[in-house]
């Protein structure tokens, strides 16, 4: 498996090196887009988990302002 991955990387690098500077920038832009999409997916998964947890615990009715006030009150009491 590692050998296949290394071969893929080598092929990608060879193809990348053959591109013009403009095309390399396009590849970089695309890679950054893919990275952002992965991060967005992770945030969506986290949001879904948080919403389900709030429903489970019975505090899904709270607004962001409610949560901010509760946290502020808690921090002030320490």
PDB file of N, CA and C in Angstrom:
ATOM      1  N   UNK A   1       0.825  -1.190   0.000  1.00  0.00           N
ATOM      2  CA  UNK A   1       0.000   0.000   0.000  1.00  0.00           C
ATOM      3  C   UNK A   1       0.869   1.253   0.000  1.00  0.00           C
ATOM      4  N   UNK A   2       1.898   1.262   0.855  1.00  0.00           N
ATOM      5  CA  UNK A   2       2.782   2.421   0.928  1.00  0.00           C
ATOM      6  C   UNK A   2       3.508   2.619  -0.395  1.00  0.00           C
ATOM      7  N   UNK A   3       3.862   1.509  -1.052  1.00  0.00           N
ATOM      8  CA  UNK A   3       4.546   1.620  -2.335  1.00  0.00           C
ATOM      9  C   UNK A   3       3.644   2.260  -3.384  1.00  0.00           C
ATOM     10  N   UNK A   4       2.374   1.886  -3.385  1.00  0.00           N
ATOM     11  CA  UNK A   4       1.428   2.464  -4.341  1.00  0.00           C
ATOM     12  C   UNK A   4       1.274   3.957  -4.083  1.00  0.00           C
ATOM     13  N   UNK A   5       1.209   4.325  -2.831  1.00  0.00           N
ATOM     14  CA  UNK A   5       1.076   5.727  -2.461  1.00  0.00           C
ATOM     15  C   UNK A   5       2.310   6.520  -2.895  1.00  0.00           C
ATOM     16  N   UNK A   6       3.486   5.952  -2.673  1.00  0.00           N
ATOM     17  CA  UNK A   6       4.722   6.617  -3.080  1.00  0.00           C
ATOM     18  C   UNK A   6       4.785   6.754  -4.595  1.00  0.00           C
ATOM     19  N   UNK A   7       4.333   5.738  -5.313  1.00  0.00           N
ATOM     20  CA  UNK A   7       4.316   5.791  -6.767  1.00  0.00           C
ATOM     21  C   UNK A   7       3.356   6.875  -7.246  1.00  0.00           C
ATOM     22  N   UNK A   8       2.181   6.944  -6.630  1.00  0.00           N
ATOM     23  CA  UNK A   8       1.219   7.996  -6.977  1.00  0.00           C
ATOM     24  C   UNK A   8       1.824   9.379  -6.755  1.00  0.00           C
ATOM     25  N   UNK A   9       2.465   9.567  -5.625  1.00  0.00           N
ATOM     26  CA  UNK A   9       3.085  10.851  -5.325  1.00  0.00           C
ATOM     27  C   UNK A   9       4.174  11.189  -6.343  1.00  0.00           C
ATOM     28  N   UNK A  10       4.963  10.209  -6.714  1.00  0.00           N
ATOM     29  CA  UNK A  10       6.033  10.432  -7.688  1.00  0.00           C
ATOM     30  C   UNK A  10       5.445  10.843  -9.036  1.00  0.00           C
ATOM     31  N   UNK A  11       4.385  10.158  -9.466  1.00  0.00           N
ATOM     32  CA  UNK A  11       3.733  10.490 -10.736  1.00  0.00           C
ATOM     33  C   UNK A  11       3.152  11.898 -10.679  1.00  0.00           C
ATOM     34  N   UNK A  12       2.502  12.221  -9.578  1.00  0.00           N
ATOM     35  CA  UNK A  12       1.928  13.562  -9.419  1.00  0.00           C
ATOM     36  C   UNK A  12       3.019  14.623  -9.492  1.00  0.00           C
ATOM     37  N   UNK A  13       4.118  14.405  -8.784  1.00  0.00           N
ATOM     38  CA  UNK A  13       5.212  15.384  -8.806  1.00  0.00           C
ATOM     39  C   UNK A  13       5.810  15.539 -10.202  1.00  0.00           C
ATOM     40  N   UNK A  14       5.966  14.444 -10.923  1.00  0.00           N
ATOM     41  CA  UNK A  14       6.505  14.514 -12.283  1.00  0.00           C
ATOM     42  C   UNK A  14       5.577  15.340 -13.172  1.00  0.00           C
ATOM     43  N   UNK A  15       4.292  15.081 -13.073  1.00  0.00           N
ATOM     44  CA  UNK A  15       3.326  15.819 -13.885  1.00  0.00           C
ATOM     45  C   UNK A  15       3.296  17.296 -13.478  1.00  0.00           C
ATOM     46  N   UNK A  16       3.397  17.549 -12.181  1.00  0.00           N
ATOM     47  CA  UNK A  16       3.401  18.921 -11.685  1.00  0.00           C
ATOM     48  C   UNK A  16       4.609  19.696 -12.212  1.00  0.00           C
ATOM     49  N   UNK A  17       5.763  19.068 -12.175  1.00  0.00           N
ATOM     50  CA  UNK A  17       6.985  19.722 -12.635  1.00  0.00           C
ATOM     51  C   UNK A  17       6.916  20.102 -14.116  1.00  0.00           C
ATOM     52  N   UNK A  18       6.135  19.365 -14.874  1.00  0.00           N
ATOM     53  CA  UNK A  18       6.036  19.616 -16.317  1.00  0.00           C
ATOM     54  C   UNK A  18       5.095  20.788 -16.640  1.00  0.00           C
ATOM     55  N   UNK A  19       4.355  21.258 -15.667  1.00  0.00           N
ATOM     56  CA  UNK A  19       3.376  22.323 -15.907  1.00  0.00           C
ATOM     57  C   UNK A  19       4.023  23.705 -15.916  1.00  0.00           C
ATOM     58  N   UNK A  20       3.332  24.631 -16.559  1.00  0.00           N
ATOM     59  CA  UNK A  20       3.768  26.022 -16.536  1.00  0.00           C
ATOM     60  C   UNK A  20       3.492  26.615 -15.150  1.00  0.00           C
ATOM     61  N   UNK A  21       4.062  27.763 -14.875  1.00  0.00           N
ATOM     62  CA  UNK A  21       3.841  28.425 -13.582  1.00  0.00           C
ATOM     63  C   UNK A  21       2.369  28.722 -13.357  1.00  0.00           C
ATOM     64  N   UNK A  22       1.690  29.152 -14.418  1.00  0.00           N
ATOM     65  CA  UNK A  22       0.258  29.448 -14.291  1.00  0.00           C
ATOM     66  C   UNK A  22      -0.535  28.207 -13.911  1.00  0.00           C
ATOM     67  N   UNK A  23      -0.225  27.112 -14.562  1.00  0.00           N
ATOM     68  CA  UNK A  23      -0.942  25.857 -14.266  1.00  0.00           C
ATOM     69  C   UNK A  23      -0.602  25.363 -12.856  1.00  0.00           C
ATOM     70  N   UNK A  24       0.634  25.551 -12.435  1.00  0.00           N
ATOM     71  CA  UNK A  24       1.001  25.161 -11.068  1.00  0.00           C
ATOM     72  C   UNK A  24       0.185  25.950 -10.059  1.00  0.00           C
ATOM     73  N   UNK A  25      -0.042  27.234 -10.348  1.00  0.00           N
ATOM     74  CA  UNK A  25      -0.860  28.054  -9.453  1.00  0.00           C
ATOM     75  C   UNK A  25      -2.292  27.523  -9.420  1.00  0.00           C
ATOM     76  N   UNK A  26      -2.803  27.088 -10.561  1.00  0.00           N
ATOM     77  CA  UNK A  26      -4.150  26.508 -10.605  1.00  0.00           C
ATOM     78  C   UNK A  26      -4.218  25.234  -9.759  1.00  0.00           C
ATOM     79  N   UNK A  27      -3.187  24.426  -9.849  1.00  0.00           N
ATOM     80  CA  UNK A  27      -3.135  23.197  -9.048  1.00  0.00           C
ATOM     81  C   UNK A  27      -3.120  23.551  -7.570  1.00  0.00           C
ATOM     82  N   UNK A  28      -2.322  24.540  -7.204  1.00  0.00           N
ATOM     83  CA  UNK A  28      -2.255  24.979  -5.810  1.00  0.00           C
ATOM     84  C   UNK A  28      -3.614  25.491  -5.339  1.00  0.00           C
ATOM     85  N   UNK A  29      -4.266  26.289  -6.168  1.00  0.00           N
ATOM     86  CA  UNK A  29      -5.602  26.786  -5.825  1.00  0.00           C
ATOM     87  C   UNK A  29      -6.577  25.629  -5.604  1.00  0.00           C
ATOM     88  N   UNK A  30      -6.509  24.629  -6.467  1.00  0.00           N
ATOM     89  CA  UNK A  30      -7.396  23.480  -6.342  1.00  0.00           C
ATOM     90  C   UNK A  30      -7.103  22.693  -5.064  1.00  0.00           C
ATOM     91  N   UNK A  31      -5.831  22.512  -4.761  1.00  0.00           N
ATOM     92  CA  UNK A  31      -5.472  21.805  -3.531  1.00  0.00           C
ATOM     93  C   UNK A  31      -5.975  22.558  -2.296  1.00  0.00           C
ATOM     94  N   UNK A  32      -5.867  23.878  -2.321  1.00  0.00           N
ATOM     95  CA  UNK A  32      -6.372  24.678  -1.203  1.00  0.00           C
ATOM     96  C   UNK A  32      -7.894  24.568  -1.102  1.00  0.00           C
ATOM     97  N   UNK A  33      -8.570  24.505  -2.249  1.00  0.00           N
ATOM     98  CA  UNK A  33     -10.011  24.296  -2.259  1.00  0.00           C
ATOM     99  C   UNK A  33     -10.364  22.955  -1.619  1.00  0.00           C
ATOM    100  N   UNK A  34      -9.647  21.903  -1.989  1.00  0.00           N
ATOM    101  CA  UNK A  34      -9.912  20.579  -1.410  1.00  0.00           C
ATOM    102  C   UNK A  34      -9.674  20.576   0.097  1.00  0.00           C
ATOM    103  N   UNK A  35      -8.608  21.250   0.513  1.00  0.00           N
ATOM    104  CA  UNK A  35      -8.298  21.345   1.941  1.00  0.00           C
ATOM    105  C   UNK A  35      -9.417  22.061   2.692  1.00  0.00           C
ATOM    106  N   UNK A  36      -9.896  23.152   2.140  1.00  0.00           N
ATOM    107  CA  UNK A  36     -10.980  23.905   2.749  1.00  0.00           C
ATOM    108  C   UNK A  36     -12.251  23.072   2.824  1.00  0.00           C
ATOM    109  N   UNK A  37     -12.528  22.326   1.769  1.00  0.00           N
ATOM    110  CA  UNK A  37     -13.712  21.465   1.750  1.00  0.00           C
ATOM    111  C   UNK A  37     -13.633  20.396   2.840  1.00  0.00           C
ATOM    112  N   UNK A  38     -12.457  19.834   3.050  1.00  0.00           N
ATOM    113  CA  UNK A  38     -12.282  18.839   4.115  1.00  0.00           C
ATOM    114  C   UNK A  38     -12.509  19.468   5.485  1.00  0.00           C
ATOM    115  N   UNK A  39     -11.965  20.674   5.682  1.00  0.00           N
ATOM    116  CA  UNK A  39     -12.157  21.358   6.960  1.00  0.00           C
ATOM    117  C   UNK A  39     -13.630  21.691   7.176  1.00  0.00           C
ATOM    118  N   UNK A  40     -14.304  22.122   6.112  1.00  0.00           N
ATOM    119  CA  UNK A  40     -15.730  22.437   6.214  1.00  0.00           C
ATOM    120  C   UNK A  40     -16.527  21.194   6.573  1.00  0.00           C
ATOM    121  N   UNK A  41     -16.157  20.076   5.972  1.00  0.00           N
ATOM    122  CA  UNK A  41     -16.835  18.806   6.261  1.00  0.00           C
ATOM    123  C   UNK A  41     -16.661  18.440   7.737  1.00  0.00           C
ATOM    124  N   UNK A  42     -15.457  18.641   8.241  1.00  0.00           N
ATOM    125  CA  UNK A  42     -15.198  18.338   9.652  1.00  0.00           C
ATOM    126  C   UNK A  42     -16.045  19.224  10.552  1.00  0.00           C
ATOM    127  N   UNK A  43     -16.162  20.523  10.203  1.00  0.00           N
ATOM    128  CA  UNK A  43     -16.985  21.430  11.006  1.00  0.00           C
ATOM    129  C   UNK A  43     -18.445  21.028  10.953  1.00  0.00           C
ATOM    130  N   UNK A  44     -18.938  20.607   9.782  1.00  0.00           N
ATOM    131  CA  UNK A  44     -20.331  20.178   9.668  1.00  0.00           C
ATOM    132  C   UNK A  44     -20.587  18.948  10.534  1.00  0.00           C
ATOM    133  N   UNK A  45     -19.632  18.015  10.534  1.00  0.00           N
ATOM    134  CA  UNK A  45     -19.761  16.826  11.376  1.00  0.00           C
ATOM    135  C   UNK A  45     -19.777  17.216  12.849  1.00  0.00           C
ATOM    136  N   UNK A  46     -18.925  18.168  13.235  1.00  0.00           N
ATOM    137  CA  UNK A  46     -18.897  18.631  14.612  1.00  0.00           C
ATOM    138  C   UNK A  46     -20.218  19.302  14.982  1.00  0.00           C
ATOM    139  N   UNK A  47     -20.725  20.153  14.087  1.00  0.00           N
ATOM    140  CA  UNK A  47     -21.998  20.834  14.344  1.00  0.00           C
ATOM    141  C   UNK A  47     -23.122  19.821  14.531  1.00  0.00           C
ATOM    142  N   UNK A  48     -23.144  18.806  13.689  1.00  0.00           N
ATOM    143  CA  UNK A  48     -24.178  17.771  13.802  1.00  0.00           C
ATOM    144  C   UNK A  48     -24.072  17.056  15.145  1.00  0.00           C
ATOM    145  N   UNK A  49     -22.839  16.747  15.550  1.00  0.00           N
ATOM    146  CA  UNK A  49     -22.619  16.087  16.841  1.00  0.00           C
ATOM    147  C   UNK A  49     -23.099  16.987  17.981  1.00  0.00           C
ATOM    148  N   UNK A  50     -22.756  18.277  17.913  1.00  0.00           N
ATOM    149  CA  UNK A  50     -23.127  19.217  18.972  1.00  0.00           C
ATOM    150  C   UNK A  50     -24.644  19.368  19.060  1.00  0.00           C
ATOM    151  N   UNK A  51     -25.309  19.440  17.922  1.00  0.00           N
ATOM    152  CA  UNK A  51     -26.768  19.561  17.914  1.00  0.00           C
ATOM    153  C   UNK A  51     -27.409  18.320  18.530  1.00  0.00           C
ATOM    154  N   UNK A  52     -26.917  17.153  18.163  1.00  0.00           N
ATOM    155  CA  UNK A  52     -27.456  15.917  18.731  1.00  0.00           C
ATOM    156  C   UNK A  52     -27.209  15.828  20.234  1.00  0.00           C
ATOM    157  N   UNK A  53     -26.035  16.264  20.680  1.00  0.00           N
ATOM    158  CA  UNK A  53     -25.732  16.269  22.111  1.00  0.00           C
ATOM    159  C   UNK A  53     -26.671  17.209  22.850  1.00  0.00           C
ATOM    160  N   UNK A  54     -26.906  18.398  22.293  1.00  0.00           N
ATOM    161  CA  UNK A  54     -27.813  19.362  22.923  1.00  0.00           C
ATOM    162  C   UNK A  54     -29.221  18.779  23.034  1.00  0.00           C
ATOM    163  N   UNK A  55     -29.661  18.082  22.002  1.00  0.00           N
ATOM    164  CA  UNK A  55     -30.984  17.446  22.055  1.00  0.00           C
ATOM    165  C   UNK A  55     -31.027  16.366  23.127  1.00  0.00           C
ATOM    166  N   UNK A  56     -29.979  15.554  23.180  1.00  0.00           N
ATOM    167  CA  UNK A  56     -29.900  14.484  24.185  1.00  0.00           C
ATOM    168  C   UNK A  56     -29.960  15.032  25.605  1.00  0.00           C
ATOM    169  N   UNK A  57     -29.247  16.127  25.835  1.00  0.00           N
ATOM    170  CA  UNK A  57     -29.137  16.696  27.178  1.00  0.00           C
ATOM    171  C   UNK A  57     -30.272  17.659  27.508  1.00  0.00           C
ATOM    172  N   UNK A  58     -31.105  17.964  26.514  1.00  0.00           N
ATOM    173  CA  UNK A  58     -32.269  18.795  26.776  1.00  0.00           C
ATOM    174  C   UNK A  58     -32.002  20.295  26.805  1.00  0.00           C
ATOM    175  N   UNK A  59     -30.941  20.740  26.185  1.00  0.00           N
ATOM    176  CA  UNK A  59     -30.707  22.183  26.150  1.00  0.00           C
ATOM    177  C   UNK A  59     -30.624  22.726  24.730  1.00  0.00           C
ATOM    178  N   UNK A  60     -31.328  22.069  23.843  1.00  0.00           N
ATOM    179  CA  UNK A  60     -31.332  22.514  22.451  1.00  0.00           C
ATOM    180  C   UNK A  60     -32.188  23.770  22.241  1.00  0.00           C
ATOM    181  N   UNK A  61     -32.926  24.178  23.264  1.00  0.00           N
ATOM    182  CA  UNK A  61     -33.746  25.386  23.167  1.00  0.00           C
ATOM    183  C   UNK A  61     -32.941  26.662  23.432  1.00  0.00           C
ATOM    184  N   UNK A  62     -31.708  26.511  23.953  1.00  0.00           N
ATOM    185  CA  UNK A  62     -30.887  27.680  24.289  1.00  0.00           C
ATOM    186  C   UNK A  62     -30.375  28.375  23.028  1.00  0.00           C
ATOM    187  N   UNK A  63     -30.335  29.699  23.063  1.00  0.00           N
ATOM    188  CA  UNK A  63     -29.763  30.473  21.972  1.00  0.00           C
ATOM    189  C   UNK A  63     -28.269  30.672  22.225  1.00  0.00           C
ATOM    190  N   UNK A  64     -27.571  31.188  21.235  1.00  0.00           N
ATOM    191  CA  UNK A  64     -26.146  31.484  21.419  1.00  0.00           C
ATOM    192  C   UNK A  64     -25.953  32.518  22.525  1.00  0.00           C
ATOM    193  N   UNK A  65     -26.876  33.463  22.603  1.00  0.00           N
ATOM    194  CA  UNK A  65     -26.786  34.487  23.651  1.00  0.00           C
ATOM    195  C   UNK A  65     -26.960  33.857  25.033  1.00  0.00           C
ATOM    196  N   UNK A  66     -27.889  32.897  25.147  1.00  0.00           N
ATOM    197  CA  UNK A  66     -28.077  32.186  26.412  1.00  0.00           C
ATOM    198  C   UNK A  66     -26.796  31.476  26.827  1.00  0.00           C
ATOM    199  N   UNK A  67     -26.193  30.791  25.888  1.00  0.00           N
ATOM    200  CA  UNK A  67     -24.963  30.040  26.180  1.00  0.00           C
ATOM    201  C   UNK A  67     -23.845  31.006  26.573  1.00  0.00           C
ATOM    202  N   UNK A  68     -23.708  32.118  25.841  1.00  0.00           N
ATOM    203  CA  UNK A  68     -22.667  33.102  26.170  1.00  0.00           C
ATOM    204  C   UNK A  68     -22.879  33.651  27.580  1.00  0.00           C
ATOM    205  N   UNK A  69     -24.128  33.929  27.960  1.00  0.00           N
ATOM    206  CA  UNK A  69     -24.422  34.448  29.292  1.00  0.00           C
ATOM    207  C   UNK A  69     -24.096  33.411  30.354  1.00  0.00           C
ATOM    208  N   UNK A  70     -24.482  32.158  30.103  1.00  0.00           N
ATOM    209  CA  UNK A  70     -24.211  31.082  31.074  1.00  0.00           C
ATOM    210  C   UNK A  70     -22.703  30.917  31.267  1.00  0.00           C
ATOM    211  N   UNK A  71     -21.957  30.913  30.177  1.00  0.00           N
ATOM    212  CA  UNK A  71     -20.504  30.771  30.276  1.00  0.00           C
ATOM    213  C   UNK A  71     -19.900  31.962  31.011  1.00  0.00           C
ATOM    214  N   UNK A  72     -20.352  33.152  30.686  1.00  0.00           N
ATOM    215  CA  UNK A  72     -19.841  34.350  31.341  1.00  0.00           C
ATOM    216  C   UNK A  72     -20.149  34.314  32.836  1.00  0.00           C
ATOM    217  N   UNK A  73     -21.388  33.947  33.198  1.00  0.00           N
ATOM    218  CA  UNK A  73     -21.756  33.831  34.609  1.00  0.00           C
ATOM    219  C   UNK A  73     -20.898  32.807  35.322  1.00  0.00           C
ATOM    220  N   UNK A  74     -20.642  31.666  34.646  1.00  0.00           N
ATOM    221  CA  UNK A  74     -19.838  30.605  35.238  1.00  0.00           C
ATOM    222  C   UNK A  74     -18.400  31.082  35.461  1.00  0.00           C
ATOM    223  N   UNK A  75     -17.841  31.748  34.473  1.00  0.00           N
ATOM    224  CA  UNK A  75     -16.463  32.229  34.588  1.00  0.00           C
ATOM    225  C   UNK A  75     -16.347  33.318  35.655  1.00  0.00           C
ATOM    226  N   UNK A  76     -17.403  34.118  35.796  1.00  0.00           N
ATOM    227  CA  UNK A  76     -17.388  35.176  36.802  1.00  0.00           C
ATOM    228  C   UNK A  76     -17.483  34.641  38.207  1.00  0.00           C
ATOM    229  N   UNK A  77     -18.037  33.439  38.384  1.00  0.00           N
ATOM    230  CA  UNK A  77     -18.213  32.877  39.708  1.00  0.00           C
ATOM    231  C   UNK A  77     -16.998  32.092  40.185  1.00  0.00           C
ATOM    232  N   UNK A  78     -16.014  31.986  39.381  1.00  0.00           N
ATOM    233  CA  UNK A  78     -14.816  31.186  39.724  1.00  0.00           C
ATOM    234  C   UNK A  78     -13.835  31.977  40.512  1.00  0.00           C
TER     235      UNK A  78
END
